Amino acid sequence: MTKAGKLIYITGGARSGKSSFAERQALHLSGHAVTYLATAQAFDGEMRARIERHQSDRPAEWITLEEPLDVVTALQAAHTPTVLLDCLSLWVSNLMLAELEDGEVLARVDDLLRRNTATLIVVSNEVGLGIVPDNALARRYRDLLGWANQRFAAAADEAHLLVSGLPLRLK
């Protein structure tokens, strides 16, 4: 069995500065030897604009892998010492929309944690601080992402919470 890599987990609310903090961490750790593993899908113009903004924010020398579903295989294809996964939130959503059961989604989360050999920086949204959603799909997403976030936070060597652009180190 290969040795697990270092795991840095970064969470926070929407527009809290998670991605830019993660990018600074990756740049500090590996300079331009970074693989950016993107899980977003451009289903509409707004999402295309978000993706383009993220692309323009990161160094052009970084390798970008776009993979909305098979993140484990994409991670294994990365050959840089540091991989930035942005983001766990969209990956979980993508797996749900692909009609995977909750247990299957969490099995993929566990598989990613088990197979990681790089320094992996994972960005995820904290979605459990608001009101209880009024529909079953949103409650399922909140719960499923919460369980995935707990797994990553527990396994992480470092964990950070971003609030209004300010990082709080949790561990």
C-alpha atoms as a PDB file:
ATOM      1  CA  MET A   1       0.000   0.000   0.000  1.00  0.00           C
ATOM      2  CA  THR A   2       1.309   3.468  -0.853  1.00  0.00           C
ATOM      3  CA  LYS A   3       1.871   6.067   1.806  1.00  0.00           C
ATOM      4  CA  ALA A   4      -0.920   8.602   2.128  1.00  0.00           C
ATOM      5  CA  GLY A   5      -0.040  12.118   1.115  1.00  0.00           C
ATOM      6  CA  LYS A   6      -0.513  15.282   3.110  1.00  0.00           C
ATOM      7  CA  LEU A   7      -4.094  16.556   3.224  1.00  0.00           C
ATOM      8  CA  ILE A   8      -5.030  20.209   3.664  1.00  0.00           C
ATOM      9  CA  TYR A   9      -8.769  20.806   4.013  1.00  0.00           C
ATOM     10  CA  ILE A  10     -10.239  24.291   3.452  1.00  0.00           C
ATOM     11  CA  THR A  11     -13.879  25.123   4.075  1.00  0.00           C
ATOM     12  CA  GLY A  12     -16.094  28.165   4.441  1.00  0.00           C
ATOM     13  CA  GLY A  13     -19.169  29.818   3.035  1.00  0.00           C
ATOM     14  CA  ALA A  14     -19.779  31.195  -0.433  1.00  0.00           C
ATOM     15  CA  ARG A  15     -17.358  33.969  -1.390  1.00  0.00           C
ATOM     16  CA  SER A  16     -15.387  33.507   1.839  1.00  0.00           C
ATOM     17  CA  GLY A  17     -12.018  33.376   0.046  1.00  0.00           C
ATOM     18  CA  LYS A  18     -11.537  29.596   0.104  1.00  0.00           C
ATOM     19  CA  SER A  19     -10.207  29.202  -3.429  1.00  0.00           C
ATOM     20  CA  SER A  20      -7.755  32.093  -3.305  1.00  0.00           C
ATOM     21  CA  PHE A  21      -6.462  30.891   0.080  1.00  0.00           C
ATOM     22  CA  ALA A  22      -6.060  27.372  -1.333  1.00  0.00           C
ATOM     23  CA  GLU A  23      -4.220  28.735  -4.377  1.00  0.00           C
ATOM     24  CA  ARG A  24      -1.816  30.672  -2.131  1.00  0.00           C
ATOM     25  CA  GLN A  25      -1.183  27.502  -0.112  1.00  0.00           C
ATOM     26  CA  ALA A  26      -0.474  25.500  -3.276  1.00  0.00           C
ATOM     27  CA  LEU A  27       1.819  28.194  -4.681  1.00  0.00           C
ATOM     28  CA  HIS A  28       3.732  28.334  -1.393  1.00  0.00           C
ATOM     29  CA  LEU A  29       4.103  24.550  -1.238  1.00  0.00           C
ATOM     30  CA  SER A  30       4.993  23.781  -4.851  1.00  0.00           C
ATOM     31  CA  GLY A  31       5.298  26.966  -6.870  1.00  0.00           C
ATOM     32  CA  HIS A  32       4.279  26.126 -10.407  1.00  0.00           C
ATOM     33  CA  ALA A  33       4.342  22.345  -9.905  1.00  0.00           C
ATOM     34  CA  VAL A  34       0.622  22.158  -9.117  1.00  0.00           C
ATOM     35  CA  THR A  35      -2.255  20.268 -10.682  1.00  0.00           C
ATOM     36  CA  TYR A  36      -5.600  22.028 -10.375  1.00  0.00           C
ATOM     37  CA  LEU A  37      -8.337  19.393 -10.315  1.00  0.00           C
ATOM     38  CA  ALA A  38     -11.572  21.164 -11.252  1.00  0.00           C
ATOM     39  CA  THR A  39     -14.969  19.554 -10.695  1.00  0.00           C
ATOM     40  CA  ALA A  40     -17.201  22.363 -12.010  1.00  0.00           C
ATOM     41  CA  GLN A  41     -19.346  21.940 -15.093  1.00  0.00           C
ATOM     42  CA  ALA A  42     -20.435  24.914 -17.207  1.00  0.00           C
ATOM     43  CA  PHE A  43     -24.142  24.256 -17.616  1.00  0.00           C
ATOM     44  CA  ASP A  44     -24.978  27.950 -18.060  1.00  0.00           C
ATOM     45  CA  GLY A  45     -23.401  31.341 -18.706  1.00  0.00           C
ATOM     46  CA  GLU A  46     -23.046  32.216 -15.037  1.00  0.00           C
ATOM     47  CA  MET A  47     -21.108  29.021 -14.324  1.00  0.00           C
ATOM     48  CA  ARG A  48     -18.937  29.566 -17.408  1.00  0.00           C
ATOM     49  CA  ALA A  49     -18.083  33.036 -16.082  1.00  0.00           C
ATOM     50  CA  ARG A  50     -17.202  31.600 -12.645  1.00  0.00           C
ATOM     51  CA  ILE A  51     -14.963  28.968 -14.230  1.00  0.00           C
ATOM     52  CA  GLU A  52     -13.235  31.586 -16.389  1.00  0.00           C
ATOM     53  CA  ARG A  53     -12.633  33.791 -13.334  1.00  0.00           C
ATOM     54  CA  HIS A  54     -11.069  30.874 -11.466  1.00  0.00           C
ATOM     55  CA  GLN A  55      -8.913  30.050 -14.496  1.00  0.00           C
ATOM     56  CA  SER A  56      -7.644  33.626 -14.755  1.00  0.00           C
ATOM     57  CA  ASP A  57      -6.863  33.752 -11.009  1.00  0.00           C
ATOM     58  CA  ARG A  58      -4.409  30.851 -11.003  1.00  0.00           C
ATOM     59  CA  PRO A  59      -0.928  30.663 -12.535  1.00  0.00           C
ATOM     60  CA  ALA A  60      -0.947  29.721 -16.211  1.00  0.00           C
ATOM     61  CA  GLU A  61       1.847  27.196 -15.570  1.00  0.00           C
ATOM     62  CA  TRP A  62      -0.364  25.027 -13.383  1.00  0.00           C
ATOM     63  CA  ILE A  63      -1.759  21.895 -15.002  1.00  0.00           C
ATOM     64  CA  THR A  64      -5.549  21.812 -15.070  1.00  0.00           C
ATOM     65  CA  LEU A  65      -7.537  18.585 -15.066  1.00  0.00           C
ATOM     66  CA  GLU A  66     -11.291  18.954 -15.422  1.00  0.00           C
ATOM     67  CA  GLU A  67     -13.154  15.976 -14.020  1.00  0.00           C
ATOM     68  CA  PRO A  68     -16.666  16.260 -12.606  1.00  0.00           C
ATOM     69  CA  LEU A  69     -17.144  12.606 -11.602  1.00  0.00           C
ATOM     70  CA  ASP A  70     -14.054  10.350 -11.600  1.00  0.00           C
ATOM     71  CA  VAL A  71     -11.902  12.433  -9.292  1.00  0.00           C
ATOM     72  CA  VAL A  72      -9.999   9.403  -7.968  1.00  0.00           C
ATOM     73  CA  THR A  73      -8.696   8.486 -11.432  1.00  0.00           C
ATOM     74  CA  ALA A  74      -7.881  12.128 -12.190  1.00  0.00           C
ATOM     75  CA  LEU A  75      -5.928  12.430  -8.937  1.00  0.00           C
ATOM     76  CA  GLN A  76      -3.926   9.338  -9.821  1.00  0.00           C
ATOM     77  CA  ALA A  77      -3.155  10.854 -13.251  1.00  0.00           C
ATOM     78  CA  ALA A  78      -1.652  13.971 -11.665  1.00  0.00           C
ATOM     79  CA  HIS A  79       2.144  13.983 -11.641  1.00  0.00           C
ATOM     80  CA  THR A  80       2.829  17.115  -9.619  1.00  0.00           C
ATOM     81  CA  PRO A  81       3.707  17.059  -5.918  1.00  0.00           C
ATOM     82  CA  THR A  82       0.658  19.186  -5.065  1.00  0.00           C
ATOM     83  CA  VAL A  83      -2.925  18.809  -6.267  1.00  0.00           C
ATOM     84  CA  LEU A  84      -5.631  21.373  -5.545  1.00  0.00           C
ATOM     85  CA  LEU A  85      -9.139  19.890  -5.690  1.00  0.00           C
ATOM     86  CA  ASP A  86     -11.688  22.656  -6.209  1.00  0.00           C
ATOM     87  CA  CYS A  87     -14.157  21.635  -5.096  1.00  0.00           C
ATOM     88  CA  LEU A  88     -15.531  18.803  -3.002  1.00  0.00           C
ATOM     89  CA  SER A  89     -18.934  20.539  -2.878  1.00  0.00           C
ATOM     90  CA  LEU A  90     -19.435  20.364  -6.635  1.00  0.00           C
ATOM     91  CA  TRP A  91     -18.045  16.842  -6.829  1.00  0.00           C
ATOM     92  CA  VAL A  92     -20.626  15.618  -4.307  1.00  0.00           C
ATOM     93  CA  SER A  93     -23.355  17.489  -6.198  1.00  0.00           C
ATOM     94  CA  ASN A  94     -22.203  15.988  -9.509  1.00  0.00           C
ATOM     95  CA  LEU A  95     -22.283  12.481  -8.046  1.00  0.00           C
ATOM     96  CA  MET A  96     -25.780  13.067  -6.676  1.00  0.00           C
ATOM     97  CA  LEU A  97     -26.973  14.344 -10.076  1.00  0.00           C
ATOM     98  CA  ALA A  98     -25.439  11.229 -11.647  1.00  0.00           C
ATOM     99  CA  GLU A  99     -27.931   9.354  -9.459  1.00  0.00           C
ATOM    100  CA  LEU A 100     -25.462   7.697  -7.115  1.00  0.00           C
ATOM    101  CA  GLU A 101     -26.877   6.591  -3.775  1.00  0.00           C
ATOM    102  CA  ASP A 102     -25.523   8.235  -0.615  1.00  0.00           C
ATOM    103  CA  GLY A 103     -23.446   5.176   0.267  1.00  0.00           C
ATOM    104  CA  GLU A 104     -21.866   5.172  -3.199  1.00  0.00           C
ATOM    105  CA  VAL A 105     -20.962   8.861  -2.916  1.00  0.00           C
ATOM    106  CA  LEU A 106     -19.360   8.361   0.487  1.00  0.00           C
ATOM    107  CA  ALA A 107     -17.534   5.260  -0.786  1.00  0.00           C
ATOM    108  CA  ARG A 108     -15.957   7.443  -3.500  1.00  0.00           C
ATOM    109  CA  VAL A 109     -15.006  10.018  -0.862  1.00  0.00           C
ATOM    110  CA  ASP A 110     -13.372   7.290   1.217  1.00  0.00           C
ATOM    111  CA  ASP A 111     -11.617   5.910  -1.874  1.00  0.00           C
ATOM    112  CA  LEU A 112     -10.149   9.331  -2.656  1.00  0.00           C
ATOM    113  CA  LEU A 113      -8.853   9.671   0.897  1.00  0.00           C
ATOM    114  CA  ARG A 114      -7.391   6.162   0.795  1.00  0.00           C
ATOM    115  CA  ARG A 115      -5.675   6.529  -2.594  1.00  0.00           C
ATOM    116  CA  ASN A 116      -4.158   9.979  -2.219  1.00  0.00           C
ATOM    117  CA  THR A 117      -0.350  10.029  -2.357  1.00  0.00           C
ATOM    118  CA  ALA A 118       0.181  13.713  -3.223  1.00  0.00           C
ATOM    119  CA  THR A 119      -0.083  16.812  -1.125  1.00  0.00           C
ATOM    120  CA  LEU A 120      -3.802  17.324  -1.642  1.00  0.00           C
ATOM    121  CA  ILE A 121      -5.495  20.639  -0.921  1.00  0.00           C
ATOM    122  CA  VAL A 122      -9.271  20.239  -0.869  1.00  0.00           C
ATOM    123  CA  VAL A 123     -11.738  23.132  -1.023  1.00  0.00           C
ATOM    124  CA  SER A 124     -15.306  22.599   0.151  1.00  0.00           C
ATOM    125  CA  ASN A 125     -18.306  24.675   1.133  1.00  0.00           C
ATOM    126  CA  GLU A 126     -19.659  24.662   4.650  1.00  0.00           C
ATOM    127  CA  VAL A 127     -23.395  24.367   4.030  1.00  0.00           C
ATOM    128  CA  GLY A 128     -24.599  23.361   7.485  1.00  0.00           C
ATOM    129  CA  LEU A 129     -24.604  26.761   9.182  1.00  0.00           C
ATOM    130  CA  GLY A 130     -27.833  28.063   7.677  1.00  0.00           C
ATOM    131  CA  ILE A 131     -31.484  27.193   8.030  1.00  0.00           C
ATOM    132  CA  VAL A 132     -32.781  23.714   7.315  1.00  0.00           C
ATOM    133  CA  PRO A 133     -33.638  23.597   3.587  1.00  0.00           C
ATOM    134  CA  ASP A 134     -37.316  23.291   2.746  1.00  0.00           C
ATOM    135  CA  ASN A 135     -36.980  20.445   0.228  1.00  0.00           C
ATOM    136  CA  ALA A 136     -35.727  16.884   0.384  1.00  0.00           C
ATOM    137  CA  LEU A 137     -33.057  17.219  -2.335  1.00  0.00           C
ATOM    138  CA  ALA A 138     -31.443  20.236  -0.662  1.00  0.00           C
ATOM    139  CA  ARG A 139     -31.555  18.519   2.763  1.00  0.00           C
ATOM    140  CA  ARG A 140     -29.984  15.392   1.237  1.00  0.00           C
ATOM    141  CA  TYR A 141     -27.217  17.492  -0.339  1.00  0.00           C
ATOM    142  CA  ARG A 142     -26.561  19.383   2.895  1.00  0.00           C
ATOM    143  CA  ASP A 143     -26.360  16.145   4.868  1.00  0.00           C
ATOM    144  CA  LEU A 144     -24.265  14.262   2.312  1.00  0.00           C
ATOM    145  CA  LEU A 145     -21.776  17.113   1.913  1.00  0.00           C
ATOM    146  CA  GLY A 146     -21.645  17.466   5.691  1.00  0.00           C
ATOM    147  CA  TRP A 147     -20.666  13.805   6.031  1.00  0.00           C
ATOM    148  CA  ALA A 148     -18.062  14.151   3.258  1.00  0.00           C
ATOM    149  CA  ASN A 149     -16.675  17.298   4.906  1.00  0.00           C
ATOM    150  CA  GLN A 150     -16.403  15.478   8.235  1.00  0.00           C
ATOM    151  CA  ARG A 151     -14.406  12.685   6.605  1.00  0.00           C
ATOM    152  CA  PHE A 152     -11.983  15.119   4.978  1.00  0.00           C
ATOM    153  CA  ALA A 153     -11.623  17.241   8.109  1.00  0.00           C
ATOM    154  CA  ALA A 154     -10.936  14.170  10.260  1.00  0.00           C
ATOM    155  CA  ALA A 155      -8.308  12.854   7.830  1.00  0.00           C
ATOM    156  CA  ALA A 156      -6.674  16.247   7.242  1.00  0.00           C
ATOM    157  CA  ASP A 157      -3.223  17.165   8.471  1.00  0.00           C
ATOM    158  CA  GLU A 158      -4.403  20.788   8.403  1.00  0.00           C
ATOM    159  CA  ALA A 159      -7.914  22.213   8.341  1.00  0.00           C
ATOM    160  CA  HIS A 160      -8.877  25.851   7.802  1.00  0.00           C
ATOM    161  CA  LEU A 161     -12.184  27.725   7.983  1.00  0.00           C
ATOM    162  CA  LEU A 162     -12.444  30.898   5.883  1.00  0.00           C
ATOM    163  CA  VAL A 163     -14.754  33.680   7.049  1.00  0.00           C
ATOM    164  CA  SER A 164     -14.916  36.979   5.146  1.00  0.00           C
ATOM    165  CA  GLY A 165     -11.524  36.301   3.606  1.00  0.00           C
ATOM    166  CA  LEU A 166      -9.866  35.528   6.939  1.00  0.00           C
ATOM    167  CA  PRO A 167      -8.515  32.026   7.603  1.00  0.00           C
ATOM    168  CA  LEU A 168      -8.999  30.349  10.957  1.00  0.00           C
ATOM    169  CA  ARG A 169      -6.803  27.287  11.434  1.00  0.00           C
ATOM    170  CA  LEU A 170      -8.864  24.502  12.952  1.00  0.00           C
ATOM    171  CA  LYS A 171      -6.050  21.955  13.164  1.00  0.00           C
END
